[in-house]
Protein backbone atom coordinates (compact mmCIF):
# COMPACT_ATOMS: atom_id res chain seq x y z
CA MET A 1 -25.67 15.99 -13.58
CA ALA A 2 -24.99 13.75 -10.56
CA THR A 3 -24.57 15.39 -7.17
CA ASN A 4 -23.49 14.05 -3.84
CA PHE A 5 -25.83 13.54 -0.88
CA PHE A 6 -24.67 16.56 1.13
CA ASP A 7 -27.02 19.54 1.17
CA ALA A 8 -25.60 22.50 -0.66
CA ALA A 9 -27.43 24.65 1.86
CA GLU A 10 -25.06 23.54 4.58
CA SER A 11 -22.28 25.56 2.98
CA ALA A 12 -24.48 28.41 1.77
CA GLY A 13 -23.07 31.86 2.25
CA ARG A 14 -19.45 30.76 2.12
CA THR A 15 -16.96 31.93 -0.43
CA SER A 16 -15.96 28.88 -2.44
CA PRO A 17 -13.00 28.63 -4.81
CA ARG A 18 -13.67 28.58 -8.53
CA PHE A 19 -13.55 25.03 -9.87
CA ASP A 20 -14.97 25.75 -13.33
CA ARG A 21 -11.84 26.87 -15.16
CA PRO A 22 -11.41 24.55 -18.16
CA LEU A 23 -8.19 22.65 -18.77
CA HIS A 24 -6.05 24.08 -21.56
CA PRO A 25 -6.07 21.84 -24.68
CA ALA A 26 -2.30 21.46 -24.42
CA GLY A 27 -2.82 19.97 -20.96
CA ARG A 28 -5.13 17.30 -22.35
CA TRP A 29 -2.60 16.32 -24.99
CA ALA A 30 0.20 16.24 -22.43
CA PHE A 31 -1.96 14.06 -20.17
CA LEU A 32 -2.63 11.62 -23.03
CA ALA A 33 1.03 11.58 -24.06
CA ILE A 34 2.16 10.70 -20.56
CA ILE A 35 -0.34 7.83 -20.37
CA ILE A 36 0.77 6.40 -23.73
CA GLY A 37 4.42 6.83 -22.76
CA ALA A 38 3.89 4.99 -19.47
CA VAL A 39 2.15 2.07 -21.22
CA VAL A 40 4.93 1.79 -23.79
CA TYR A 41 7.58 2.03 -21.05
CA ALA A 42 5.94 -0.76 -19.04
CA ALA A 43 5.54 -3.05 -22.07
CA THR A 44 9.13 -2.45 -23.15
CA SER A 45 10.45 -3.09 -19.64
CA ILE A 46 8.59 -6.40 -19.39
CA PHE A 47 9.86 -7.45 -22.83
CA VAL A 48 13.47 -6.57 -21.93
CA ASP A 49 13.31 -8.22 -18.48
CA THR A 50 11.84 -11.49 -19.74
CA ARG A 51 14.12 -11.64 -22.77
CA HIS A 52 17.17 -11.03 -20.56
CA VAL A 53 16.46 -14.21 -18.58
CA GLY A 54 15.37 -16.24 -21.58
CA GLU A 55 11.68 -16.32 -20.66
CA THR A 56 9.25 -16.13 -23.57
CA LEU A 57 5.71 -15.00 -22.82
CA GLN A 58 2.94 -16.38 -24.98
CA VAL A 59 0.65 -13.82 -26.57
CA GLY A 60 -2.24 -14.82 -24.32
CA VAL A 61 -0.15 -14.52 -21.16
CA PHE A 62 1.22 -11.14 -22.29
CA LEU A 63 -2.30 -9.81 -22.95
CA PHE A 64 -3.51 -11.19 -19.61
CA LEU A 65 -0.56 -9.53 -17.89
CA GLY A 66 -1.32 -6.24 -19.63
CA LEU A 67 -4.96 -6.34 -18.52
CA ALA A 68 -4.01 -7.10 -14.92
CA LEU A 69 -1.45 -4.27 -14.88
CA LEU A 70 -3.99 -1.81 -16.29
CA ILE A 71 -6.47 -2.70 -13.55
CA ALA A 72 -3.78 -2.36 -10.85
CA LEU A 73 -2.74 1.02 -12.26
CA GLY A 74 -6.42 1.95 -12.43
CA PHE A 75 -6.61 1.39 -8.68
CA GLU A 76 -3.69 3.78 -8.15
CA PHE A 77 -5.24 6.31 -10.55
CA VAL A 78 -8.52 6.26 -8.61
CA ASN A 79 -6.52 6.39 -5.39
CA GLY A 80 -4.88 9.56 -6.70
CA PHE A 81 -8.02 11.59 -7.29
CA HIS A 82 -9.82 10.04 -4.32
CA ASP A 83 -7.19 10.47 -1.60
CA THR A 84 -4.99 13.35 -2.72
CA ALA A 85 -7.95 15.71 -2.87
CA ASN A 86 -7.58 15.78 0.90
CA ALA A 87 -4.07 17.24 0.61
CA VAL A 88 -5.03 20.07 -1.74
CA ALA A 89 -8.28 21.08 0.01
CA THR A 90 -6.44 23.10 2.64
CA VAL A 91 -4.35 25.20 0.22
CA ILE A 92 -7.35 25.75 -2.06
CA TYR A 93 -9.73 26.84 0.70
CA THR A 94 -7.15 29.15 2.28
CA ASN A 95 -6.42 30.75 -1.13
CA SER A 96 -2.78 29.68 -0.90
CA MET A 97 -2.93 28.10 -4.36
CA SER A 98 -5.40 28.10 -7.21
CA PRO A 99 -7.11 24.72 -7.73
CA SER A 100 -5.36 23.99 -11.03
CA VAL A 101 -1.90 24.78 -9.67
CA ALA A 102 -2.57 22.90 -6.42
CA VAL A 103 -3.51 19.62 -8.07
CA ILE A 104 -0.54 19.72 -10.44
CA TRP A 105 1.79 20.57 -7.55
CA SER A 106 0.36 17.74 -5.47
CA GLY A 107 0.61 15.33 -8.40
CA VAL A 108 4.32 16.07 -8.84
CA PHE A 109 5.09 15.43 -5.18
CA ASN A 110 2.95 12.28 -5.14
CA PHE A 111 5.11 11.10 -8.03
CA LEU A 112 8.32 11.86 -6.15
CA GLY A 113 7.00 10.18 -2.99
CA VAL A 114 6.41 6.95 -4.88
CA ILE A 115 9.82 7.03 -6.57
CA VAL A 116 11.81 7.33 -3.33
CA SER A 117 9.66 4.94 -1.28
CA SER A 118 11.27 1.94 0.38
CA GLY A 119 8.81 -0.81 -0.57
CA ALA A 120 8.25 -1.89 3.05
CA VAL A 121 4.55 -0.98 2.98
CA ALA A 122 4.09 -2.91 -0.29
CA TYR A 123 5.09 -6.18 1.32
CA SER A 124 3.25 -5.56 4.59
CA ILE A 125 0.10 -5.52 2.46
CA ILE A 126 1.07 -8.70 0.61
CA THR A 127 1.65 -10.59 3.85
CA LEU A 128 -2.09 -10.29 4.55
CA LEU A 129 -2.79 -12.65 1.66
CA PRO A 130 -3.10 -16.40 2.20
CA VAL A 131 0.31 -18.12 2.06
CA GLU A 132 -1.19 -20.77 -0.19
CA LEU A 133 -2.07 -18.18 -2.85
CA ILE A 134 1.26 -16.35 -2.58
CA LEU A 135 3.19 -19.58 -3.09
CA HIS A 136 1.00 -20.46 -6.09
CA ILE A 137 0.33 -17.00 -7.45
CA GLY A 138 0.45 -18.29 -11.04
CA SER A 139 -2.45 -20.67 -10.44
CA ALA A 140 -6.10 -20.12 -11.36
CA ALA A 141 -6.85 -19.24 -7.74
CA GLY A 142 -3.94 -16.76 -7.72
CA TYR A 143 -5.22 -14.94 -10.80
CA ALA A 144 -8.81 -14.95 -9.49
CA MET A 145 -7.52 -13.45 -6.23
CA ILE A 146 -5.72 -10.57 -7.96
CA PHE A 147 -8.65 -9.60 -10.18
CA ALA A 148 -11.23 -9.94 -7.38
CA LEU A 149 -9.43 -7.74 -4.89
CA LEU A 150 -8.54 -5.11 -7.51
CA PHE A 151 -12.08 -4.87 -8.91
CA ALA A 152 -13.61 -4.72 -5.42
CA ALA A 153 -11.29 -1.94 -4.24
CA VAL A 154 -11.80 0.14 -7.40
CA LEU A 155 -15.59 -0.28 -7.36
CA TRP A 156 -15.89 0.82 -3.71
CA ASN A 157 -13.56 3.77 -4.28
CA LEU A 158 -15.57 4.94 -7.28
CA ALA A 159 -18.85 4.54 -5.40
CA THR A 160 -17.72 6.70 -2.46
CA TRP A 161 -16.11 9.25 -4.79
CA PHE A 162 -19.35 9.54 -6.78
CA VAL A 163 -21.18 10.81 -3.70
CA GLY A 164 -18.26 13.03 -2.64
CA LEU A 165 -17.35 10.99 0.42
CA PRO A 166 -13.72 11.13 1.67
CA ASN A 167 -13.26 7.39 2.06
CA SER A 168 -10.02 5.45 2.46
CA SER A 169 -8.47 3.62 -0.50
CA SER A 170 -6.28 1.76 2.00
CA HIS A 171 -9.33 0.45 3.84
CA ALA A 172 -10.92 -0.58 0.55
CA LEU A 173 -7.83 -2.50 -0.56
CA ILE A 174 -7.23 -4.17 2.79
CA GLY A 175 -10.90 -5.10 3.06
CA SER A 176 -10.68 -6.63 -0.42
CA ILE A 177 -7.61 -8.66 0.59
CA LEU A 178 -9.31 -9.90 3.74
CA GLY A 179 -12.39 -10.84 1.75
CA VAL A 180 -10.40 -12.91 -0.72
CA GLY A 181 -8.53 -14.65 2.09
CA PHE A 182 -11.70 -15.45 3.99
CA ALA A 183 -13.42 -16.73 0.84
CA ASN A 184 -10.42 -18.88 -0.05
CA GLN A 185 -10.46 -20.41 3.42
CA LEU A 186 -14.15 -21.26 3.10
CA LEU A 187 -13.57 -22.79 -0.32
CA SER A 188 -10.51 -24.73 0.90
CA ALA A 189 -12.02 -26.54 3.89
CA GLY A 190 -9.44 -28.63 5.71
CA LYS A 191 -6.33 -26.82 4.47
CA GLY A 192 -6.05 -24.72 7.62
CA GLY A 193 -4.04 -21.56 8.17
CA THR A 194 -2.17 -21.32 4.86
CA SER A 195 -5.43 -21.00 2.89
CA GLY A 196 -6.79 -18.05 4.88
CA VAL A 197 -5.80 -14.62 6.15
CA ASP A 198 -2.78 -14.17 8.40
CA TRP A 199 -4.83 -12.67 11.20
CA GLY A 200 -1.75 -11.83 13.25
CA GLN A 201 -0.50 -9.56 10.46
CA ALA A 202 -4.05 -8.34 9.85
CA GLU A 203 -4.30 -7.23 13.49
CA LYS A 204 -1.15 -5.11 13.11
CA VAL A 205 -2.38 -3.50 9.90
CA LEU A 206 -5.89 -2.86 11.19
CA SER A 207 -4.46 -1.37 14.39
CA SER A 208 -2.50 1.19 12.37
CA LEU A 209 -5.63 2.03 10.37
CA LEU A 210 -7.68 2.38 13.56
CA PHE A 211 -5.31 4.53 15.60
CA SER A 212 -4.00 6.82 12.86
CA PRO A 213 -7.29 8.80 12.53
CA LEU A 214 -7.33 9.28 16.30
CA MET A 215 -3.78 10.63 16.05
CA GLY A 216 -4.95 12.96 13.28
CA PHE A 217 -7.90 14.30 15.27
CA ILE A 218 -6.17 14.67 18.62
CA GLY A 219 -2.85 15.82 17.13
CA ALA A 220 -4.40 18.59 15.01
CA MET A 221 -6.63 19.74 17.86
CA VAL A 222 -3.73 19.96 20.31
CA LEU A 223 -1.42 21.57 17.76
CA LEU A 224 -3.93 24.32 16.99
CA TRP A 225 -4.43 24.98 20.71
CA VAL A 226 -0.65 25.30 21.10
CA MET A 227 -0.46 27.62 18.08
CA LYS A 228 -3.12 29.85 19.61
CA LEU A 229 -1.12 30.07 22.83
CA LEU A 230 2.24 30.77 21.17
CA ILE A 231 1.33 32.60 17.93
CA ARG A 232 -1.09 35.39 18.77
CA LYS A 233 -2.08 36.47 15.28
CA PRO A 234 -5.88 36.67 14.95
CA GLU A 235 -5.72 36.45 11.14
CA LEU A 236 -4.48 32.87 11.48
CA TYR A 237 -7.68 31.77 13.15
CA ARG A 238 -10.41 33.50 11.18
CA GLU A 239 -11.92 32.94 7.76
CA PRO A 240 -9.80 34.21 4.82
CA ASP A 241 -10.83 37.57 3.40
CA GLY A 242 -12.69 36.63 0.20
CA ASN A 243 -10.28 35.37 -2.44
CA LYS A 244 -7.35 37.27 -0.97
CA ALA A 245 -4.13 35.27 -0.64
CA PRO A 246 -2.76 34.79 2.91
CA PRO A 247 0.34 36.64 4.15
CA ARG A 248 3.59 35.36 2.61
CA GLY A 249 4.84 33.40 5.64
CA ILE A 250 1.48 31.73 6.27
CA ARG A 251 1.14 30.90 2.59
CA ALA A 252 4.60 29.32 2.54
CA LEU A 253 3.69 27.19 5.58
CA LEU A 254 0.44 26.00 4.01
CA ILE A 255 2.12 25.12 0.71
CA ALA A 256 4.89 23.32 2.59
CA THR A 257 2.38 21.22 4.54
CA CYS A 258 0.43 20.40 1.37
CA THR A 259 3.70 19.34 -0.24
CA ALA A 260 4.59 17.14 2.74
CA VAL A 261 1.17 15.41 2.75
CA SER A 262 1.33 14.81 -1.01
CA PHE A 263 4.86 13.40 -0.77
CA ALA A 264 3.93 11.21 2.21
CA HIS A 265 0.77 10.01 0.48
CA GLY A 266 2.77 8.95 -2.57
CA GLY A 267 5.32 7.16 -0.42
CA ASN A 268 2.71 5.20 1.54
CA ASP A 269 -0.25 4.64 -0.78
CA GLY A 270 1.81 4.18 -3.94
CA GLN A 271 3.44 1.12 -2.43
CA LYS A 272 0.13 -0.72 -2.25
CA GLY A 273 -0.10 -0.73 -6.03
CA MET A 274 3.53 -1.79 -6.29
CA GLY A 275 2.92 -4.85 -4.15
CA LEU A 276 -0.06 -5.91 -6.26
CA ILE A 277 1.85 -5.39 -9.49
CA MET A 278 4.73 -7.53 -8.21
CA LEU A 279 2.26 -10.33 -7.46
CA ILE A 280 0.94 -10.07 -11.02
CA LEU A 281 4.44 -10.11 -12.50
CA ILE A 282 5.53 -13.07 -10.37
CA GLY A 283 2.45 -15.00 -11.46
CA CYS A 284 2.82 -14.28 -15.18
CA ALA A 285 6.61 -14.11 -15.56
CA PRO A 286 8.19 -15.93 -12.59
CA THR A 287 11.62 -16.38 -14.17
CA ALA A 288 12.09 -12.64 -14.51
CA TYR A 289 10.43 -11.42 -11.31
CA ALA A 290 10.19 -14.19 -8.68
CA LEU A 291 13.78 -13.54 -7.58
CA ASN A 292 15.75 -10.32 -7.31
CA ARG A 293 18.00 -10.79 -10.32
CA THR A 294 19.43 -7.31 -9.85
CA MET A 295 21.47 -8.47 -6.85
CA PRO A 296 25.17 -8.37 -7.88
CA GLU A 297 27.22 -11.54 -8.06
CA SER A 298 29.53 -10.05 -5.43
CA ALA A 299 26.69 -10.34 -2.88
CA THR A 300 26.49 -14.14 -3.24
CA PRO A 301 29.29 -15.09 -0.79
CA ALA A 302 27.72 -13.01 2.00
CA PHE A 303 24.30 -14.52 1.25
CA VAL A 304 25.65 -18.08 1.35
CA GLN A 305 27.65 -17.41 4.52
CA SER A 306 24.61 -15.92 6.27
CA THR A 307 22.47 -18.89 5.19
CA ASN A 308 24.93 -21.47 6.48
CA ARG A 309 25.36 -19.56 9.74
CA ALA A 310 21.58 -19.58 10.34
CA ALA A 311 21.36 -23.29 9.45
CA ALA A 312 24.10 -24.05 11.99
CA ILE A 313 22.20 -22.15 14.69
CA PHE A 314 19.05 -24.21 14.14
CA GLU A 315 21.08 -27.42 14.08
CA ALA A 316 22.73 -26.45 17.37
CA HIS A 317 19.30 -26.02 18.95
CA GLY A 318 18.16 -29.56 18.21
CA GLY A 319 17.37 -29.44 14.51
CA THR A 320 17.85 -32.78 12.77
CA PRO A 321 18.49 -32.85 9.01
CA MET A 322 15.82 -34.56 6.90
CA PRO A 323 14.97 -35.03 3.19
CA VAL A 324 14.26 -31.68 1.49
CA ASN A 325 10.72 -32.58 0.42
CA GLN A 326 9.87 -33.62 3.97
CA ALA A 327 11.37 -30.38 5.27
CA ARG A 328 9.15 -28.32 2.97
CA THR A 329 6.09 -30.17 4.25
CA VAL A 330 7.14 -29.48 7.86
CA LEU A 331 7.60 -25.74 7.13
CA SER A 332 4.21 -25.51 5.39
CA GLY A 333 2.63 -27.21 8.39
CA ALA A 334 4.34 -24.80 10.78
CA LEU A 335 2.90 -21.84 8.90
CA GLN A 336 -0.50 -23.49 8.86
CA ASP A 337 -0.51 -24.23 12.59
CA LYS A 338 1.37 -21.03 13.56
CA LYS A 339 3.77 -23.14 15.61
CA ALA A 340 7.46 -23.07 14.77
CA ASN A 341 9.37 -23.42 18.06
CA ASN A 342 10.15 -27.13 18.04
CA PRO A 343 13.09 -29.32 16.93
CA ALA A 344 11.27 -30.63 13.85
CA VAL A 345 10.82 -27.11 12.44
CA TYR A 346 14.41 -26.20 13.37
CA GLY A 347 15.59 -29.25 11.43
CA ALA A 348 13.42 -28.32 8.45
CA ILE A 349 14.76 -24.75 8.39
CA ASP A 350 18.29 -26.13 8.67
CA THR A 351 17.72 -28.56 5.77
CA VAL A 352 16.04 -26.12 3.38
CA SER A 353 18.49 -23.33 4.22
CA ARG A 354 21.50 -25.50 3.40
CA ASP A 355 19.80 -26.56 0.17
CA ILE A 356 19.20 -22.89 -0.74
CA ALA A 357 22.85 -22.05 0.01
CA ALA A 358 24.12 -24.98 -2.07
CA ARG A 359 21.98 -24.11 -5.06
CA ILE A 360 22.75 -20.38 -5.09
CA SER A 361 26.43 -21.08 -4.53
CA GLY A 362 26.37 -23.53 -7.43
CA TYR A 363 24.71 -21.05 -9.77
CA GLY A 364 26.99 -18.23 -8.63
CA ALA A 365 24.26 -15.60 -8.22
CA LEU A 366 20.50 -15.17 -8.12
CA SER A 367 20.69 -13.68 -11.61
CA LYS A 368 21.97 -17.03 -12.91
CA VAL A 369 19.26 -19.25 -11.43
CA PRO A 370 17.73 -21.28 -14.30
CA ALA A 371 14.13 -20.67 -15.29
CA ALA A 372 13.02 -24.20 -14.41
CA VAL A 373 13.96 -23.93 -10.73
CA THR A 374 13.13 -20.25 -10.10
CA PRO A 375 9.58 -20.72 -8.69
CA ASN A 376 10.70 -23.61 -6.48
CA LEU A 377 13.67 -21.68 -5.10
CA ARG A 378 11.52 -18.61 -4.40
CA ASN A 379 8.98 -20.72 -2.52
CA ASP A 380 11.75 -22.30 -0.43
CA MET A 381 13.13 -18.87 0.44
CA TYR A 382 9.65 -17.63 1.28
CA LEU A 383 8.91 -20.62 3.54
CA VAL A 384 12.20 -20.25 5.41
CA LEU A 385 11.80 -16.48 5.75
CA ASP A 386 8.35 -16.70 7.32
CA THR A 387 9.02 -19.66 9.60
CA SER A 388 12.34 -18.28 10.84
CA ARG A 389 10.58 -14.99 11.61
CA MET A 390 8.02 -16.88 13.65
CA VAL A 391 10.88 -18.45 15.60
CA SER A 392 12.90 -15.28 16.19
CA GLY A 393 9.79 -13.16 16.85
CA ALA A 394 8.33 -15.46 19.51
CA LYS A 395 8.16 -14.21 23.10
CA GLU A 396 10.47 -16.98 24.29
CA ALA A 397 13.07 -16.36 21.56
CA GLY A 398 15.27 -14.37 23.93
CA ALA A 399 15.46 -17.33 26.31
CA ARG A 400 16.14 -19.91 23.57
CA PHE A 401 18.71 -17.98 21.53
CA SER A 402 21.59 -15.65 22.44
CA LYS A 403 21.64 -12.06 21.21
CA ALA A 404 24.39 -12.94 18.72
CA GLU A 405 22.28 -15.80 17.35
CA LEU A 406 19.19 -13.62 17.02
CA ASP A 407 21.27 -10.98 15.21
CA ALA A 408 22.53 -13.67 12.82
CA LEU A 409 18.98 -14.87 12.17
CA LYS A 410 17.85 -11.31 11.50
CA ALA A 411 20.72 -10.83 9.04
CA TYR A 412 19.71 -14.07 7.30
CA GLN A 413 16.10 -12.92 7.06
CA THR A 414 17.25 -9.64 5.55
CA HIS A 415 19.20 -11.53 2.87
CA LEU A 416 16.16 -13.70 2.10
CA GLN A 417 13.97 -10.62 1.90
CA ASP A 418 16.41 -8.85 -0.40
CA GLY A 419 16.37 -11.89 -2.65
CA THR A 420 12.60 -12.24 -2.94
CA ARG A 421 11.06 -8.86 -2.14
CA TYR A 422 12.17 -6.18 -4.52
CA ILE A 423 10.52 -3.68 -6.82
CA PRO A 424 12.04 -2.79 -10.23
CA PHE A 425 12.37 0.91 -10.91
CA TRP A 426 9.98 0.78 -13.86
CA VAL A 427 7.22 -0.52 -11.56
CA LYS A 428 7.77 2.43 -9.23
CA ALA A 429 7.74 4.79 -12.21
CA ILE A 430 4.43 3.63 -13.72
CA VAL A 431 2.73 3.57 -10.30
CA ALA A 432 4.07 7.08 -9.66
CA ILE A 433 2.68 8.24 -13.01
CA ALA A 434 -0.74 6.66 -12.36
CA LEU A 435 -0.99 8.17 -8.88
CA GLY A 436 0.34 11.54 -10.00
CA LEU A 437 -2.06 11.80 -12.95
CA GLY A 438 -4.93 10.62 -10.78
CA THR A 439 -4.53 13.68 -8.57
CA MET A 440 -5.43 15.88 -11.54
CA VAL A 441 -8.77 14.22 -12.32
CA GLY A 442 -12.04 14.08 -10.40
CA TRP A 443 -10.73 15.76 -7.26
CA LYS A 444 -13.42 18.45 -6.93
CA ARG A 445 -16.07 16.38 -5.11
CA ILE A 446 -13.79 15.37 -2.26
CA VAL A 447 -12.18 18.83 -2.03
CA VAL A 448 -15.56 20.48 -1.50
CA THR A 449 -16.47 18.02 1.24
CA VAL A 450 -13.20 18.50 3.11
CA GLY A 451 -13.11 22.27 2.61
CA GLU A 452 -16.73 23.15 3.32
CA ARG A 453 -18.66 20.35 4.96
CA ILE A 454 -16.67 19.14 7.95
CA GLY A 455 -16.45 22.27 10.09
CA LYS A 456 -19.32 24.71 10.51
CA VAL A 457 -17.22 27.67 9.37
CA HIS A 458 -14.84 28.23 6.48
CA MET A 459 -11.41 26.67 6.92
CA THR A 460 -8.88 29.07 8.48
CA TYR A 461 -5.12 29.23 7.90
CA GLY A 462 -4.42 27.71 11.30
CA MET A 463 -6.87 24.87 10.76
CA GLY A 464 -5.34 23.97 7.40
CA ALA A 465 -1.75 24.11 8.67
CA SER A 466 -2.34 22.09 11.85
CA ALA A 467 -4.31 19.37 10.02
CA GLU A 468 -1.66 18.92 7.34
CA ILE A 469 1.37 19.07 9.66
CA VAL A 470 -0.07 16.26 11.76
CA ALA A 471 -1.16 14.26 8.70
CA ALA A 472 2.25 14.49 7.01
CA GLY A 473 4.08 13.52 10.20
CA THR A 474 1.80 10.55 10.88
CA ILE A 475 2.01 9.18 7.32
CA LEU A 476 5.80 9.55 7.11
CA LEU A 477 6.22 7.83 10.47
CA ALA A 478 4.00 4.96 9.29
CA GLU A 479 6.13 4.52 6.17
CA VAL A 480 9.29 4.26 8.30
CA TYR A 481 7.71 1.32 10.15
CA GLY A 482 6.23 -0.19 6.99
CA MET A 483 2.63 0.24 8.14
CA PRO A 484 -0.20 1.14 5.73
CA VAL A 485 -2.33 4.08 6.84
CA SER A 486 -5.14 6.09 5.29
CA THR A 487 -4.33 9.62 4.12
CA THR A 488 -8.06 10.31 3.91
CA HIS A 489 -8.83 9.26 7.46
CA ILE A 490 -5.85 11.04 8.99
CA LEU A 491 -6.35 14.33 7.18
CA THR A 492 -10.12 14.55 7.44
CA SER A 493 -9.83 13.66 11.13
CA GLY A 494 -7.21 16.38 11.41
CA VAL A 495 -9.56 18.90 9.77
CA ALA A 496 -12.29 17.87 12.22
CA GLY A 497 -9.92 18.17 15.19
CA SER A 498 -8.70 21.59 14.11
CA ALA A 499 -12.31 22.75 13.60
CA VAL A 500 -13.11 21.74 17.18
CA ALA A 501 -10.00 23.49 18.50
CA ASN A 502 -10.92 26.64 16.56
CA GLY A 503 -14.35 26.68 18.17
CA ALA A 504 -16.02 26.07 14.81
CA GLY A 505 -17.89 22.92 15.68
CA LEU A 506 -18.65 20.10 13.25
CA GLN A 507 -21.41 19.44 10.75
CA ARG A 508 -23.10 16.43 12.26
CA ARG A 509 -24.53 15.09 9.01
CA THR A 510 -21.18 15.06 7.23
CA ILE A 511 -19.34 13.47 10.14
CA THR A 512 -22.08 10.84 10.50
CA HIS A 513 -21.84 9.89 6.82
CA MET A 514 -18.04 9.83 6.92
CA VAL A 515 -17.92 7.58 9.99
CA ALA A 516 -20.58 5.33 8.48
CA ALA A 517 -18.51 4.98 5.32
CA TRP A 518 -15.38 4.22 7.35
CA LEU A 519 -17.22 1.51 9.27
CA LEU A 520 -18.85 0.06 6.14
CA THR A 521 -15.75 0.01 3.94
CA LEU A 522 -14.09 -3.09 5.38
CA PRO A 523 -17.19 -5.34 5.40
CA ALA A 524 -18.42 -3.98 2.04
CA ALA A 525 -15.05 -4.50 0.36
CA MET A 526 -14.77 -7.96 1.93
CA LEU A 527 -18.18 -8.98 0.59
CA LEU A 528 -17.40 -7.57 -2.86
CA SER A 529 -14.00 -9.21 -3.19
CA GLY A 530 -15.07 -12.51 -1.63
CA GLY A 531 -18.06 -12.74 -3.96
CA LEU A 532 -15.99 -11.79 -7.02
CA TYR A 533 -13.31 -14.31 -6.07
CA TRP A 534 -15.89 -17.09 -5.85
CA LEU A 535 -17.43 -16.10 -9.20
CA LEU A 536 -14.07 -15.82 -10.99
CA LEU A 537 -12.70 -19.05 -9.54
CA THR A 538 -15.91 -20.89 -10.42
CA GLY A 539 -15.81 -19.49 -13.96
CA ILE A 540 -12.16 -20.44 -14.44
CA ARG A 541 -12.79 -23.98 -13.22
CA LEU A 542 -15.84 -24.41 -15.47
CA ALA A 543 -13.90 -23.06 -18.45
CA GLY A 544 -11.04 -25.44 -17.68
């Protein structure tokens, strides 16, 4: 039987929860039934969506789509048992919940977190990908990108889980995305910025991943110090008495914090799988998923009015109309060079925006856009959205445009985003199921590490509560701002911070291995995904 690299002797003498209770046979059947139901639901939804818009998928494309979706859902499943173990460790090691009840409870609230999520995090992840691949997601390079980054993220997650290391699924996925982007840039010499990673967006994402663990460590440490000053109950700050449950109020607090972390984890991490699934759907079935066909026809006049208003603003600031094909070339060049504040780009945005307004007005609604022009219209909307954001987000934007004009441009960008960046409910549902079920499998290795091998003493009630309160607050705040963060890093840092505040000290070996894994994840995932991308793309080209 495989074991992880931590010495069991380090936790000798502690009272550990029982993890050996077998799952009831009815639970196994229910688990299998849910998986089969989710697969059938996804297949039926795709069939209905494509048939509704008159798009017929060939058998090969449908099978390819099914395989890609299974791999994407596999990432979320692994994410579930890898990351959510952090949320349940505190309630298990403080005897607030039995292990079996805790993982089911956490799974349910992960599910709910995914269902009510906004989708903002999903698209902040996607914006890390090369623009060239996003615009041509249905190409050989687009498919190679999706499979490479998914396989790399899953492989690294499984490797760290196997040795019981609380590693970040977010870091693994983002590292995989960066690796694909970097490899694509190397393989596309001369194409410039659109073929590689958007390093400006990458800096924002990596900053949130860097600072959130520090917030977890410092926040939990300070919170526990404050608790000790204000709540003078010694039982909060010492090891639980054997397998005895904590007092009712403390138990309620610990369960509430576990619930909040699970819900926040679902809302943030679940969106990463959603974004990848939308890329897969757009590549395989663009007519059904490239545009938000759920937007009501009544929204069309406001969309057209907002588009024309933005076009007029760019024209007023020196934009000169030009042929549409030329305008698209100018916008692609602006994204490539990261320079959009000049009359030529203003004229291109003006031209393409008016063309978008005319076409959507002519069709009557996004839901009525013909299959043949759907990918082209989506790409136009995507180009205008990103270049106009570069213009309005520039430091000198306030000097070039009035507040009313900037507000109008922001409203226009919101309409473009609503038209191209949406997530069908069934996608949320199957990701929620995958993440929720994942919490119920394979969680023991990570739970033991978090519960026994970070601090030098057994986790106390105060340590568990402070770590999870800070973790839940940090993750929920990140979701509000659409920033991806790592549940693993925040919560394990919180456990470490609370251990320091409780005077417990830290197990140097565990912390060293955890930090090493955190530092290695990005480069390791980048190498894996970049290498896989090159192999897959080479194979596809040779086969073609």
